[in-house]
Amino acid sequence: MKNQQRGISFIGLLFVGGVVACTGILAAQVVPTLIEYQAITKAANKAKDGTTVAEVKSIFDKAAAIDDIASISGKDLEVTKEGNKTVVAFAYTRELHMAGPAFLLLKYNGRSK
């Protein structure tokens, strides 16, 4: 009886390692943008407490300075009223350079609760 060898070949190991490395690099670039999106959402929720549009944008800019938000500023916000509630909406994109001419485009949008 012959015993067949089981496992992964060296070429297979290199391929799997390459896929894992590329996925790790991609995740390392995307995770900071997700953290920044959460900070922007938190700042928008703080800013909705303002009474005027200028005050809402000022509150957002102060929160953005504290949380180091660089993708969006107070002038990019859309401030509206729904009934007696102030709603702060935002939308922005982030481009991540992958390799050569390849980019990953992330589109974020949200609004205060």
N, C-alpha and C. Protein backbone atom coordinates (compact mmCIF):
# COMPACT_ATOMS: atom_id res chain seq x y z
N MET A 1 0.82 -1.18 0.00
CA MET A 1 0.00 0.00 0.00
C MET A 1 0.87 1.25 0.00
N LYS A 2 0.49 2.16 -0.84
CA LYS A 2 1.21 3.42 -0.89
C LYS A 2 0.49 4.43 -0.02
N ASN A 3 1.26 5.17 0.75
CA ASN A 3 0.71 6.27 1.55
C ASN A 3 0.83 7.55 0.75
N GLN A 4 -0.30 8.20 0.53
CA GLN A 4 -0.27 9.46 -0.20
C GLN A 4 0.07 10.59 0.76
N GLN A 5 0.87 11.48 0.26
CA GLN A 5 1.21 12.64 1.07
C GLN A 5 0.06 13.63 1.05
N ARG A 6 -0.15 14.26 2.18
CA ARG A 6 -1.20 15.25 2.29
C ARG A 6 -0.57 16.58 2.70
N GLY A 7 -1.25 17.65 2.36
CA GLY A 7 -0.75 18.96 2.72
C GLY A 7 -0.70 19.88 1.52
N ILE A 8 -0.02 20.97 1.71
CA ILE A 8 0.05 22.00 0.69
C ILE A 8 1.47 22.02 0.11
N SER A 9 1.55 22.22 -1.18
CA SER A 9 2.86 22.28 -1.81
C SER A 9 3.50 23.64 -1.54
N PHE A 10 4.76 23.76 -1.86
CA PHE A 10 5.46 25.02 -1.65
C PHE A 10 4.87 26.13 -2.51
N ILE A 11 4.53 25.81 -3.75
CA ILE A 11 3.92 26.80 -4.64
C ILE A 11 2.55 27.21 -4.08
N GLY A 12 1.79 26.26 -3.60
CA GLY A 12 0.50 26.57 -2.98
C GLY A 12 0.67 27.44 -1.75
N LEU A 13 1.70 27.15 -0.96
CA LEU A 13 1.98 27.95 0.23
C LEU A 13 2.33 29.39 -0.15
N LEU A 14 3.13 29.57 -1.19
CA LEU A 14 3.48 30.91 -1.65
C LEU A 14 2.24 31.65 -2.15
N PHE A 15 1.37 30.96 -2.86
CA PHE A 15 0.15 31.58 -3.37
C PHE A 15 -0.76 32.01 -2.21
N VAL A 16 -0.99 31.13 -1.27
CA VAL A 16 -1.83 31.45 -0.12
C VAL A 16 -1.20 32.58 0.69
N GLY A 17 0.11 32.55 0.89
CA GLY A 17 0.81 33.62 1.61
C GLY A 17 0.66 34.96 0.90
N GLY A 18 0.74 34.97 -0.43
CA GLY A 18 0.57 36.20 -1.20
C GLY A 18 -0.83 36.76 -1.08
N VAL A 19 -1.83 35.89 -1.12
CA VAL A 19 -3.22 36.34 -0.98
C VAL A 19 -3.44 36.90 0.42
N VAL A 20 -2.93 36.24 1.44
CA VAL A 20 -3.07 36.72 2.82
C VAL A 20 -2.35 38.06 3.00
N ALA A 21 -1.16 38.20 2.42
CA ALA A 21 -0.41 39.45 2.54
C ALA A 21 -1.15 40.60 1.85
N CYS A 22 -1.69 40.36 0.66
CA CYS A 22 -2.44 41.41 -0.06
C CYS A 22 -3.70 41.80 0.71
N THR A 23 -4.38 40.82 1.28
CA THR A 23 -5.57 41.11 2.07
C THR A 23 -5.21 41.91 3.32
N GLY A 24 -4.10 41.58 3.95
CA GLY A 24 -3.65 42.32 5.13
C GLY A 24 -3.29 43.75 4.80
N ILE A 25 -2.62 43.97 3.69
CA ILE A 25 -2.26 45.33 3.27
C ILE A 25 -3.51 46.14 2.96
N LEU A 26 -4.47 45.53 2.29
CA LEU A 26 -5.73 46.21 1.98
C LEU A 26 -6.47 46.57 3.27
N ALA A 27 -6.54 45.63 4.20
CA ALA A 27 -7.22 45.90 5.47
C ALA A 27 -6.51 47.00 6.25
N ALA A 28 -5.19 47.02 6.21
CA ALA A 28 -4.43 48.05 6.93
C ALA A 28 -4.68 49.44 6.36
N GLN A 29 -5.07 49.54 5.10
CA GLN A 29 -5.37 50.83 4.50
C GLN A 29 -6.84 51.23 4.67
N VAL A 30 -7.74 50.26 4.75
CA VAL A 30 -9.17 50.55 4.84
C VAL A 30 -9.60 50.84 6.28
N VAL A 31 -9.04 50.15 7.25
CA VAL A 31 -9.47 50.30 8.65
C VAL A 31 -9.35 51.75 9.14
N PRO A 32 -8.28 52.48 8.87
CA PRO A 32 -8.24 53.88 9.32
C PRO A 32 -9.35 54.75 8.73
N THR A 33 -9.78 54.47 7.49
CA THR A 33 -10.87 55.26 6.92
C THR A 33 -12.19 54.93 7.61
N LEU A 34 -12.37 53.69 8.04
CA LEU A 34 -13.58 53.33 8.79
C LEU A 34 -13.59 54.00 10.16
N ILE A 35 -12.45 54.07 10.79
CA ILE A 35 -12.35 54.74 12.09
C ILE A 35 -12.64 56.23 11.93
N GLU A 36 -12.13 56.82 10.85
CA GLU A 36 -12.40 58.23 10.59
C GLU A 36 -13.88 58.46 10.30
N TYR A 37 -14.53 57.55 9.59
CA TYR A 37 -15.96 57.65 9.33
C TYR A 37 -16.76 57.64 10.63
N GLN A 38 -16.36 56.78 11.57
CA GLN A 38 -17.04 56.75 12.86
C GLN A 38 -16.84 58.07 13.62
N ALA A 39 -15.64 58.64 13.53
CA ALA A 39 -15.38 59.93 14.18
C ALA A 39 -16.21 61.04 13.54
N ILE A 40 -16.37 61.00 12.22
CA ILE A 40 -17.18 62.00 11.53
C ILE A 40 -18.64 61.88 11.94
N THR A 41 -19.13 60.66 12.04
CA THR A 41 -20.51 60.44 12.47
C THR A 41 -20.72 60.96 13.89
N LYS A 42 -19.74 60.71 14.77
CA LYS A 42 -19.82 61.20 16.15
C LYS A 42 -19.81 62.73 16.18
N ALA A 43 -18.98 63.34 15.37
CA ALA A 43 -18.91 64.80 15.31
C ALA A 43 -20.20 65.38 14.74
N ALA A 44 -20.80 64.72 13.76
CA ALA A 44 -22.07 65.19 13.19
C ALA A 44 -23.18 65.11 14.23
N ASN A 45 -23.16 64.07 15.05
CA ASN A 45 -24.17 63.95 16.10
C ASN A 45 -24.00 65.02 17.17
N LYS A 46 -22.75 65.41 17.45
CA LYS A 46 -22.51 66.53 18.37
C LYS A 46 -22.98 67.85 17.75
N ALA A 47 -22.70 68.02 16.46
CA ALA A 47 -22.98 69.29 15.79
C ALA A 47 -24.47 69.56 15.63
N LYS A 48 -25.29 68.53 15.64
CA LYS A 48 -26.73 68.76 15.43
C LYS A 48 -27.37 69.53 16.58
N ASP A 49 -26.65 69.68 17.69
CA ASP A 49 -27.18 70.43 18.82
C ASP A 49 -27.10 71.94 18.62
N GLY A 50 -26.45 72.39 17.57
CA GLY A 50 -26.36 73.82 17.29
C GLY A 50 -27.70 74.38 16.85
N THR A 51 -27.88 75.67 17.03
CA THR A 51 -29.16 76.30 16.69
C THR A 51 -29.16 76.91 15.29
N THR A 52 -28.01 77.38 14.82
CA THR A 52 -27.91 77.96 13.49
C THR A 52 -26.97 77.12 12.64
N VAL A 53 -27.03 77.34 11.34
CA VAL A 53 -26.16 76.59 10.43
C VAL A 53 -24.69 76.90 10.72
N ALA A 54 -24.38 78.16 10.96
CA ALA A 54 -22.99 78.54 11.25
C ALA A 54 -22.52 77.89 12.56
N GLU A 55 -23.39 77.83 13.54
CA GLU A 55 -23.01 77.21 14.81
C GLU A 55 -22.80 75.71 14.65
N VAL A 56 -23.65 75.06 13.85
CA VAL A 56 -23.50 73.62 13.59
C VAL A 56 -22.15 73.34 12.93
N LYS A 57 -21.80 74.14 11.94
CA LYS A 57 -20.53 73.95 11.24
C LYS A 57 -19.35 74.25 12.16
N SER A 58 -19.48 75.22 13.02
CA SER A 58 -18.43 75.55 13.98
C SER A 58 -18.22 74.41 14.99
N ILE A 59 -19.32 73.86 15.49
CA ILE A 59 -19.21 72.74 16.43
C ILE A 59 -18.55 71.54 15.76
N PHE A 60 -18.94 71.29 14.50
CA PHE A 60 -18.33 70.17 13.77
C PHE A 60 -16.83 70.41 13.57
N ASP A 61 -16.45 71.63 13.19
CA ASP A 61 -15.03 71.92 12.97
C ASP A 61 -14.21 71.76 14.25
N LYS A 62 -14.78 72.15 15.39
CA LYS A 62 -14.07 71.96 16.66
C LYS A 62 -13.91 70.48 16.98
N ALA A 63 -14.95 69.69 16.76
CA ALA A 63 -14.86 68.25 16.99
C ALA A 63 -13.90 67.60 16.00
N ALA A 64 -13.87 68.11 14.77
CA ALA A 64 -12.95 67.57 13.76
C ALA A 64 -11.50 67.86 14.13
N ALA A 65 -11.25 69.01 14.72
CA ALA A 65 -9.89 69.34 15.14
C ALA A 65 -9.43 68.42 16.28
N ILE A 66 -10.34 68.10 17.17
CA ILE A 66 -10.00 67.22 18.30
C ILE A 66 -9.75 65.80 17.81
N ASP A 67 -10.61 65.30 16.91
CA ASP A 67 -10.51 63.92 16.44
C ASP A 67 -9.61 63.75 15.22
N ASP A 68 -8.96 64.83 14.78
CA ASP A 68 -8.04 64.79 13.64
C ASP A 68 -8.73 64.28 12.36
N ILE A 69 -9.85 64.90 12.04
CA ILE A 69 -10.60 64.56 10.83
C ILE A 69 -10.11 65.45 9.70
N ALA A 70 -9.62 64.84 8.62
CA ALA A 70 -9.07 65.62 7.51
C ALA A 70 -9.88 65.48 6.23
N SER A 71 -10.78 64.51 6.14
CA SER A 71 -11.49 64.23 4.90
C SER A 71 -12.64 65.19 4.62
N ILE A 72 -13.16 65.82 5.65
CA ILE A 72 -14.34 66.64 5.50
C ILE A 72 -14.26 67.77 6.53
N SER A 73 -14.88 68.88 6.21
CA SER A 73 -14.90 70.00 7.15
C SER A 73 -16.34 70.51 7.28
N GLY A 74 -16.54 71.50 8.11
CA GLY A 74 -17.86 72.04 8.35
C GLY A 74 -18.52 72.59 7.10
N LYS A 75 -17.73 73.13 6.19
CA LYS A 75 -18.32 73.71 4.97
C LYS A 75 -18.88 72.64 4.04
N ASP A 76 -18.52 71.38 4.23
CA ASP A 76 -19.00 70.28 3.39
C ASP A 76 -20.29 69.65 3.91
N LEU A 77 -20.77 70.11 5.06
CA LEU A 77 -21.96 69.53 5.66
C LEU A 77 -23.23 70.07 5.02
N GLU A 78 -24.26 69.26 5.03
CA GLU A 78 -25.58 69.69 4.58
C GLU A 78 -26.48 69.71 5.82
N VAL A 79 -26.87 70.89 6.24
CA VAL A 79 -27.66 71.07 7.46
C VAL A 79 -29.10 71.37 7.06
N THR A 80 -30.03 70.53 7.54
CA THR A 80 -31.44 70.71 7.25
C THR A 80 -32.26 70.57 8.53
N LYS A 81 -33.52 70.96 8.44
CA LYS A 81 -34.45 70.80 9.55
C LYS A 81 -35.51 69.80 9.14
N GLU A 82 -35.79 68.84 10.02
CA GLU A 82 -36.89 67.91 9.82
C GLU A 82 -37.80 68.07 11.04
N GLY A 83 -38.87 68.80 10.85
CA GLY A 83 -39.73 69.14 11.98
C GLY A 83 -39.02 70.14 12.86
N ASN A 84 -38.81 69.79 14.11
CA ASN A 84 -38.07 70.67 15.02
C ASN A 84 -36.67 70.13 15.29
N LYS A 85 -36.23 69.17 14.48
CA LYS A 85 -34.94 68.50 14.67
C LYS A 85 -33.95 68.94 13.59
N THR A 86 -32.73 69.23 14.00
CA THR A 86 -31.67 69.58 13.05
C THR A 86 -31.00 68.28 12.59
N VAL A 87 -30.84 68.14 11.29
CA VAL A 87 -30.20 66.96 10.71
C VAL A 87 -28.94 67.40 9.98
N VAL A 88 -27.84 66.75 10.30
CA VAL A 88 -26.55 67.05 9.66
C VAL A 88 -26.19 65.86 8.78
N ALA A 89 -26.08 66.10 7.47
CA ALA A 89 -25.74 65.04 6.52
C ALA A 89 -24.37 65.34 5.90
N PHE A 90 -23.68 64.29 5.53
CA PHE A 90 -22.36 64.44 4.91
C PHE A 90 -22.13 63.32 3.91
N ALA A 91 -21.26 63.58 2.95
CA ALA A 91 -20.85 62.59 1.96
C ALA A 91 -19.46 62.95 1.48
N TYR A 92 -18.61 61.95 1.34
CA TYR A 92 -17.26 62.19 0.85
C TYR A 92 -16.68 60.89 0.29
N THR A 93 -15.59 61.00 -0.45
CA THR A 93 -14.94 59.83 -1.01
C THR A 93 -13.48 59.80 -0.57
N ARG A 94 -12.93 58.62 -0.53
CA ARG A 94 -11.50 58.42 -0.24
C ARG A 94 -10.93 57.51 -1.31
N GLU A 95 -9.78 57.87 -1.83
CA GLU A 95 -9.08 57.04 -2.81
C GLU A 95 -7.85 56.45 -2.15
N LEU A 96 -7.69 55.14 -2.28
CA LEU A 96 -6.52 54.46 -1.75
C LEU A 96 -5.73 53.88 -2.91
N HIS A 97 -4.47 54.25 -3.01
CA HIS A 97 -3.61 53.74 -4.08
C HIS A 97 -3.24 52.29 -3.76
N MET A 98 -3.49 51.41 -4.69
CA MET A 98 -3.19 50.00 -4.48
C MET A 98 -1.82 49.66 -5.09
N ALA A 99 -1.75 49.63 -6.40
CA ALA A 99 -0.49 49.34 -7.09
C ALA A 99 -0.60 49.84 -8.53
N GLY A 100 0.45 50.47 -9.00
CA GLY A 100 0.45 50.97 -10.38
C GLY A 100 -0.70 51.93 -10.60
N PRO A 101 -1.52 51.66 -11.61
CA PRO A 101 -2.65 52.55 -11.89
C PRO A 101 -3.93 52.17 -11.12
N ALA A 102 -3.85 51.21 -10.23
CA ALA A 102 -5.05 50.72 -9.53
C ALA A 102 -5.30 51.51 -8.25
N PHE A 103 -6.55 51.96 -8.08
CA PHE A 103 -6.99 52.68 -6.89
C PHE A 103 -8.24 52.01 -6.36
N LEU A 104 -8.44 52.11 -5.06
CA LEU A 104 -9.67 51.66 -4.43
C LEU A 104 -10.43 52.92 -4.02
N LEU A 105 -11.65 53.09 -4.51
CA LEU A 105 -12.47 54.25 -4.21
C LEU A 105 -13.50 53.86 -3.17
N LEU A 106 -13.48 54.56 -2.04
CA LEU A 106 -14.44 54.31 -0.96
C LEU A 106 -15.36 55.52 -0.88
N LYS A 107 -16.65 55.30 -0.95
CA LYS A 107 -17.64 56.39 -0.86
C LYS A 107 -18.35 56.26 0.48
N TYR A 108 -18.28 57.31 1.28
CA TYR A 108 -18.92 57.34 2.59
C TYR A 108 -19.99 58.41 2.59
N ASN A 109 -21.13 58.12 3.20
CA ASN A 109 -22.15 59.12 3.45
C ASN A 109 -22.89 58.74 4.72
N GLY A 110 -23.43 59.73 5.37
CA GLY A 110 -24.15 59.49 6.61
C GLY A 110 -24.89 60.74 7.04
N ARG A 111 -25.59 60.59 8.16
CA ARG A 111 -26.33 61.71 8.72
C ARG A 111 -26.48 61.51 10.21
N SER A 112 -26.74 62.61 10.87
CA SER A 112 -26.89 62.53 12.32
C SER A 112 -28.19 61.82 12.67
N LYS A 113 -28.22 61.30 13.88
CA LYS A 113 -29.41 60.55 14.32
C LYS A 113 -30.32 61.43 15.13
